[in-house]
Amino acid sequence: MNRRHYTLASLLSLMAIASAPSAKAQAPFPTKPVTIVVPYGAGGGVDFFARTIAPKMSERLGQPVVVENKPGAGTAIAATDVARASPDGHRVLIGDISTFATNSTLYKKLSYDPIKDFTPITMTGRMAYLLIVNPNVHPYKNVEDLVAAVRKAPSGSVSYASAGMGGPAHLTGEMFQRAAGIRLNHVPYKGSGPAIPDLLSGQVGMMFMDYAPSRPHLASGKLRALGTGASKPQPELPNTAPIGATYPGFESWFWMGMVAPKGTPPSAIDKLREAYAAAVNDPANRQKLVDSGIEPMLTSTSEMDNYVRSESARMGAIIKEAKIEMD
């Protein structure tokens, strides 16, 4: 009897030990703070978006939601960090068109796979690119007049600035040249910060950028928006016509999306999306984003996956046609 009791007690003890990790694994998500990794420094559009939604997401999840900036390598540093993180939903990434759609074609060697390494949570927002000019250099009121002037000038003599080689603004310029049948000289900068002063001083006459950094200069009249990459006029600039109205099919957005490491449980993905939905639909948050030129978005996992794949194909074709390569 004693031996039987001893054996039974041992079995029960082993069962308890074996079940402990299972119970821990089944603890409801989240069990600790959630980190949103941003692939840019503080103060940019993606960082602004993440910090706007983080507090409401925290309320919904019942855990702190913190924003961590990991800039560099065309967003690859942050993307690689999250791709290699534990797939438990506690570390997610808000990446953008570069992260998910252009890097895989631009770079010969990429430290992450934008399709295979992540599980989409939702598209988060987009901002239409604007064709911005210095009116002292280009005193035109619409895209047609600008293009007419460029055609009269020697090919490649008219310059446009961008926030960097191979970036979305650069690719928007390549798309515009093909749509309009013109040739421009691309002047890449290391970010929009150093490019805008040269645009304001007239050292370069035009630039593609989103509304947020151009907003004060448009209001003052120092810069002028000739066209938008959206398919229809935007609320913040209702009198700026879509470039696609002149060149059908032209459309260009800076877009963002939230992802988790591949293998993250569907239950965690669902909770993250629910928390995001609560944050982005909060009236104060939504107005704050819209006022900054951001169109908030909420999609399913499959919708984001399909969009990323289609944009990868579209932008990849532009990159190859323009023969743009990055080390």
Protein backbone atom coordinates (compact mmCIF):
# COMPACT_ATOMS: atom_id res chain seq x y z
CA MET A 1 0.00 0.00 0.00
CA ASN A 2 2.77 2.42 0.93
CA ARG A 3 4.47 1.72 -2.38
CA ARG A 4 1.21 2.26 -4.25
CA HIS A 5 0.60 5.53 -2.41
CA TYR A 6 4.16 6.65 -3.16
CA THR A 7 3.76 5.88 -6.87
CA LEU A 8 0.45 7.72 -7.06
CA ALA A 9 1.90 10.75 -5.29
CA SER A 10 4.86 10.79 -7.63
CA LEU A 11 2.60 10.66 -10.69
CA LEU A 12 0.47 13.51 -9.36
CA SER A 13 3.59 15.55 -8.67
CA LEU A 14 4.94 14.97 -12.19
CA MET A 15 1.57 15.90 -13.68
CA ALA A 16 1.57 19.15 -11.74
CA ILE A 17 5.09 20.01 -12.93
CA ALA A 18 4.22 19.15 -16.54
CA SER A 19 1.09 21.26 -16.46
CA ALA A 20 2.81 24.36 -15.07
CA PRO A 21 4.40 25.55 -18.34
CA SER A 22 1.12 24.93 -20.16
CA ALA A 23 -0.77 27.09 -17.70
CA LYS A 24 1.81 29.79 -18.10
CA ALA A 25 1.62 29.61 -21.89
CA GLN A 26 -2.14 29.93 -21.75
CA ALA A 27 -2.08 33.12 -19.65
CA PRO A 28 -4.26 35.76 -21.31
CA PHE A 29 -2.45 38.26 -23.54
CA PRO A 30 -0.91 40.66 -22.69
CA THR A 31 1.05 39.62 -19.61
CA LYS A 32 3.53 42.51 -19.73
CA PRO A 33 4.04 45.88 -21.46
CA VAL A 34 3.62 45.98 -25.24
CA THR A 35 6.31 47.75 -27.26
CA ILE A 36 5.62 49.45 -30.60
CA VAL A 37 8.89 49.67 -32.49
CA VAL A 38 9.19 52.64 -34.87
CA PRO A 39 11.86 52.51 -37.60
CA TYR A 40 12.56 56.26 -37.43
CA GLY A 41 13.74 58.79 -34.88
CA ALA A 42 11.41 60.71 -32.61
CA GLY A 43 9.34 63.46 -34.19
CA GLY A 44 8.63 61.97 -37.59
CA GLY A 45 5.25 60.98 -39.02
CA VAL A 46 5.41 57.30 -38.05
CA ASP A 47 6.59 58.19 -34.55
CA PHE A 48 3.80 60.76 -34.22
CA PHE A 49 1.23 58.15 -35.24
CA ALA A 50 2.54 55.55 -32.79
CA ARG A 51 2.63 57.99 -29.86
CA THR A 52 -0.87 59.21 -30.67
CA ILE A 53 -2.45 55.74 -30.45
CA ALA A 54 -0.29 54.24 -27.68
CA PRO A 55 -2.18 55.65 -24.63
CA LYS A 56 -5.61 54.41 -25.79
CA MET A 57 -4.17 51.04 -26.76
CA SER A 58 -2.75 50.80 -23.26
CA GLU A 59 -6.17 51.50 -21.74
CA ARG A 60 -7.74 48.77 -23.83
CA LEU A 61 -5.02 46.17 -23.23
CA GLY A 62 -4.60 46.84 -19.52
CA GLN A 63 -0.82 47.05 -19.91
CA PRO A 64 1.56 49.91 -20.73
CA VAL A 65 2.14 50.45 -24.46
CA VAL A 66 5.51 52.07 -25.06
CA VAL A 67 7.08 53.41 -28.25
CA GLU A 68 10.69 52.52 -29.02
CA ASN A 69 12.60 54.25 -31.80
CA LYS A 70 15.10 52.15 -33.75
CA PRO A 71 16.08 54.18 -36.84
CA GLY A 72 18.55 53.23 -39.52
CA ALA A 73 19.27 51.16 -42.64
CA GLY A 74 16.12 52.25 -44.45
CA THR A 75 13.91 50.85 -41.63
CA ALA A 76 15.70 47.46 -41.73
CA ILE A 77 17.15 47.72 -38.22
CA ALA A 78 13.72 48.00 -36.61
CA ALA A 79 12.16 45.43 -38.95
CA THR A 80 14.88 42.87 -38.22
CA ASP A 81 14.55 43.49 -34.49
CA VAL A 82 10.82 42.69 -34.51
CA ALA A 83 11.17 39.81 -36.98
CA ARG A 84 13.51 38.11 -34.49
CA ALA A 85 11.47 38.94 -31.39
CA SER A 86 9.49 36.38 -29.43
CA PRO A 87 6.20 35.74 -31.32
CA ASP A 88 3.96 36.48 -28.36
CA GLY A 89 2.48 39.86 -29.38
CA HIS A 90 4.42 41.95 -26.89
CA ARG A 91 6.74 43.47 -29.49
CA VAL A 92 5.23 44.83 -32.70
CA LEU A 93 6.34 47.09 -35.53
CA ILE A 94 4.73 50.01 -37.29
CA GLY A 95 6.56 49.95 -40.62
CA ASP A 96 5.85 51.71 -43.87
CA ILE A 97 6.03 51.45 -47.64
CA SER A 98 9.83 51.15 -47.46
CA THR A 99 9.72 48.39 -44.86
CA PHE A 100 7.13 46.25 -46.60
CA ALA A 101 7.11 47.16 -50.30
CA THR A 102 10.37 48.64 -51.62
CA ASN A 103 13.30 47.37 -49.54
CA SER A 104 13.08 43.83 -50.89
CA THR A 105 13.75 45.14 -54.41
CA LEU A 106 16.08 48.02 -53.52
CA TYR A 107 18.56 46.01 -51.47
CA LYS A 108 20.52 43.03 -52.79
CA LYS A 109 20.76 41.64 -49.27
CA LEU A 110 18.02 42.30 -46.75
CA SER A 111 18.17 41.12 -43.14
CA TYR A 112 14.43 40.32 -43.00
CA ASP A 113 11.67 39.13 -45.31
CA PRO A 114 8.70 41.53 -45.36
CA ILE A 115 6.27 38.73 -46.26
CA LYS A 116 7.62 35.63 -44.51
CA ASP A 117 8.82 37.18 -41.23
CA PHE A 118 5.65 38.98 -40.11
CA THR A 119 1.98 38.46 -39.39
CA PRO A 120 -0.03 41.54 -40.45
CA ILE A 121 -2.21 43.15 -37.79
CA THR A 122 -3.70 46.08 -39.73
CA MET A 123 -2.90 48.91 -42.08
CA THR A 124 -2.66 51.97 -39.85
CA GLY A 125 -2.67 55.05 -42.03
CA ARG A 126 -1.58 56.78 -45.18
CA MET A 127 -0.57 60.25 -46.33
CA ALA A 128 -0.80 61.41 -49.92
CA TYR A 129 2.38 62.74 -51.46
CA LEU A 130 2.15 66.35 -52.60
CA LEU A 131 4.02 68.02 -55.41
CA ILE A 132 5.40 71.08 -53.61
CA VAL A 133 7.16 73.98 -55.34
CA ASN A 134 8.91 77.15 -54.32
CA PRO A 135 6.76 79.78 -56.13
CA ASN A 136 9.80 82.03 -56.59
CA VAL A 137 11.43 79.28 -58.67
CA HIS A 138 8.31 77.82 -60.27
CA PRO A 139 5.56 80.50 -60.34
CA TYR A 140 2.94 78.09 -61.61
CA LYS A 141 -0.53 77.41 -60.27
CA ASN A 142 -1.03 73.88 -61.59
CA VAL A 143 0.79 70.74 -62.70
CA GLU A 144 0.11 71.31 -66.41
CA ASP A 145 1.93 74.65 -66.46
CA LEU A 146 4.88 73.22 -64.52
CA VAL A 147 5.24 70.30 -66.93
CA ALA A 148 4.98 72.63 -69.92
CA ALA A 149 7.87 74.70 -68.52
CA VAL A 150 9.96 71.60 -67.83
CA ARG A 151 9.48 70.44 -71.43
CA LYS A 152 10.83 73.76 -72.72
CA ALA A 153 13.96 73.45 -70.57
CA PRO A 154 16.92 71.18 -71.47
CA SER A 155 16.22 67.57 -70.44
CA GLY A 156 17.27 66.92 -66.85
CA SER A 157 18.05 70.57 -66.09
CA VAL A 158 15.10 71.02 -63.70
CA SER A 159 15.72 69.45 -60.27
CA TYR A 160 13.52 67.96 -57.61
CA ALA A 161 14.52 67.06 -54.08
CA SER A 162 13.66 63.97 -52.07
CA ALA A 163 14.25 62.75 -48.53
CA GLY A 164 16.66 60.08 -49.79
CA MET A 165 17.75 57.81 -52.62
CA GLY A 166 15.31 54.96 -53.13
CA GLY A 167 12.80 56.39 -50.68
CA PRO A 168 9.07 56.72 -51.41
CA ALA A 169 9.40 60.40 -52.37
CA HIS A 170 12.17 59.57 -54.83
CA LEU A 171 10.04 56.80 -56.35
CA THR A 172 7.08 59.18 -56.54
CA GLY A 173 9.27 61.50 -58.59
CA GLU A 174 10.16 58.62 -60.90
CA MET A 175 6.47 57.79 -61.30
CA PHE A 176 5.66 61.43 -62.05
CA GLN A 177 8.34 61.69 -64.73
CA ARG A 178 6.99 58.64 -66.52
CA ALA A 179 3.41 59.82 -66.26
CA ALA A 180 4.21 63.29 -67.59
CA GLY A 181 6.82 62.20 -70.16
CA ILE A 182 9.54 64.49 -68.78
CA ARG A 183 13.04 64.09 -67.35
CA LEU A 184 14.01 65.70 -64.04
CA ASN A 185 17.25 65.77 -62.08
CA HIS A 186 16.91 63.98 -58.75
CA VAL A 187 18.67 65.60 -55.76
CA PRO A 188 18.57 63.21 -52.77
CA TYR A 189 18.96 64.47 -49.20
CA LYS A 190 19.40 62.63 -45.93
CA GLY A 191 15.85 63.19 -44.78
CA SER A 192 13.33 65.94 -45.36
CA GLY A 193 14.88 68.04 -42.57
CA PRO A 194 17.88 69.24 -44.61
CA ALA A 195 15.91 69.27 -47.88
CA ILE A 196 13.21 71.74 -46.83
CA PRO A 197 15.60 74.66 -46.12
CA ASP A 198 17.06 74.29 -49.62
CA LEU A 199 13.55 74.21 -51.07
CA LEU A 200 12.64 77.35 -49.12
CA SER A 201 15.81 79.15 -50.25
CA GLY A 202 15.29 78.19 -53.88
CA GLN A 203 18.41 76.05 -54.25
CA VAL A 204 16.01 73.36 -55.46
CA GLY A 205 12.63 74.22 -56.93
CA MET A 206 10.34 71.29 -56.18
CA MET A 207 9.90 68.30 -53.92
CA PHE A 208 7.47 65.47 -53.26
CA MET A 209 6.50 65.22 -49.59
CA ASP A 210 3.52 64.70 -47.35
CA TYR A 211 1.43 67.40 -45.74
CA ALA A 212 2.82 67.43 -42.18
CA PRO A 213 6.30 68.92 -42.83
CA SER A 214 5.04 71.28 -45.53
CA ARG A 215 2.00 72.54 -43.60
CA PRO A 216 3.46 75.74 -42.03
CA HIS A 217 5.21 76.75 -45.25
CA LEU A 218 2.07 76.24 -47.32
CA ALA A 219 0.11 78.34 -44.84
CA SER A 220 2.68 81.14 -45.05
CA GLY A 221 2.78 81.07 -48.84
CA LYS A 222 6.49 80.31 -48.97
CA LEU A 223 5.67 77.00 -50.66
CA ARG A 224 2.81 75.96 -52.93
CA ALA A 225 1.14 72.58 -53.50
CA LEU A 226 0.46 72.01 -57.20
CA GLY A 227 -0.98 68.51 -56.94
CA THR A 228 -1.74 65.57 -54.68
CA GLY A 229 -0.96 61.90 -55.13
CA ALA A 230 -4.41 61.01 -53.79
CA SER A 231 -7.23 60.08 -56.13
CA LYS A 232 -9.33 63.01 -54.92
CA PRO A 233 -8.72 66.37 -53.21
CA GLN A 234 -7.74 65.98 -49.56
CA PRO A 235 -9.58 67.62 -46.64
CA GLU A 236 -6.53 69.58 -45.55
CA LEU A 237 -5.98 70.96 -49.09
CA PRO A 238 -9.39 70.93 -50.79
CA ASN A 239 -8.27 73.14 -53.67
CA THR A 240 -5.24 71.04 -54.62
CA ALA A 241 -6.14 68.85 -57.58
CA PRO A 242 -5.11 65.20 -57.88
CA ILE A 243 -2.17 64.68 -60.23
CA GLY A 244 -4.13 61.71 -61.54
CA ALA A 245 -6.74 64.11 -62.93
CA THR A 246 -4.11 65.27 -65.41
CA TYR A 247 -2.20 61.98 -65.72
CA PRO A 248 -4.71 59.13 -65.26
CA GLY A 249 -3.53 56.29 -63.07
CA PHE A 250 -1.06 58.38 -61.08
CA GLU A 251 -1.43 57.76 -57.36
CA SER A 252 1.19 57.89 -54.61
CA TRP A 253 0.89 57.46 -50.85
CA PHE A 254 3.17 57.12 -47.89
CA TRP A 255 1.46 54.29 -46.02
CA MET A 256 2.01 52.49 -42.74
CA GLY A 257 1.02 49.18 -41.19
CA MET A 258 1.36 47.28 -37.92
CA VAL A 259 2.81 43.76 -37.84
CA ALA A 260 3.91 41.17 -35.30
CA PRO A 261 6.53 38.43 -35.63
CA LYS A 262 5.43 35.43 -37.67
CA GLY A 263 3.91 32.79 -35.42
CA THR A 264 2.21 35.23 -33.04
CA PRO A 265 -1.02 33.56 -31.80
CA PRO A 266 -4.21 34.69 -33.56
CA SER A 267 -5.73 35.57 -30.19
CA ALA A 268 -2.93 38.10 -29.57
CA ILE A 269 -3.28 39.51 -33.09
CA ASP A 270 -7.02 39.97 -32.53
CA LYS A 271 -6.51 41.76 -29.21
CA LEU A 272 -3.89 44.05 -30.72
CA ARG A 273 -6.21 44.94 -33.59
CA GLU A 274 -9.10 45.57 -31.19
CA ALA A 275 -6.92 47.85 -29.08
CA TYR A 276 -5.69 49.66 -32.16
CA ALA A 277 -9.26 50.09 -33.43
CA ALA A 278 -10.31 51.63 -30.11
CA ALA A 279 -7.35 54.02 -30.25
CA VAL A 280 -7.70 55.12 -33.87
CA ASN A 281 -11.48 55.54 -33.59
CA ASP A 282 -11.20 57.71 -30.50
CA PRO A 283 -12.56 61.09 -31.72
CA ALA A 284 -9.71 63.17 -30.27
CA ASN A 285 -7.04 60.85 -31.67
CA ARG A 286 -8.70 60.67 -35.06
CA GLN A 287 -8.97 64.44 -35.37
CA LYS A 288 -5.35 64.84 -34.33
CA LEU A 289 -4.26 62.44 -37.06
CA VAL A 290 -6.48 63.96 -39.75
CA ASP A 291 -5.27 67.47 -38.90
CA SER A 292 -1.75 66.23 -39.58
CA GLY A 293 -2.67 64.96 -43.01
CA ILE A 294 -2.91 61.30 -42.01
CA GLU A 295 -5.82 59.20 -43.22
CA PRO A 296 -6.35 56.60 -40.44
CA MET A 297 -6.92 53.03 -41.64
CA LEU A 298 -8.21 49.78 -40.15
CA THR A 299 -8.02 46.54 -42.11
CA SER A 300 -8.07 42.80 -41.65
CA THR A 301 -4.92 40.68 -41.71
CA SER A 302 -5.72 39.41 -45.19
CA GLU A 303 -6.47 42.89 -46.53
CA MET A 304 -3.10 44.15 -45.35
CA ASP A 305 -1.33 41.09 -46.74
CA ASN A 306 -2.94 41.58 -50.15
CA TYR A 307 -2.12 45.30 -50.19
CA VAL A 308 1.52 44.72 -49.24
CA ARG A 309 1.92 42.14 -52.00
CA SER A 310 0.33 44.37 -54.65
CA GLU A 311 2.39 47.40 -53.61
CA SER A 312 5.58 45.29 -53.58
CA ALA A 313 4.93 44.29 -57.17
CA ARG A 314 4.01 47.82 -58.28
CA MET A 315 6.93 49.57 -56.59
CA GLY A 316 9.34 46.80 -57.50
CA ALA A 317 8.59 47.36 -61.18
CA ILE A 318 9.29 51.09 -60.82
CA ILE A 319 12.58 50.44 -59.04
CA LYS A 320 13.75 47.99 -61.68
CA GLU A 321 12.73 50.26 -64.54
CA ALA A 322 14.62 53.18 -62.98
CA LYS A 323 17.59 50.88 -62.22
CA ILE A 324 17.82 51.99 -58.60
CA GLU A 325 19.99 49.85 -56.29
CA MET A 326 21.05 50.29 -52.67
CA ASP A 327 23.94 48.64 -50.86
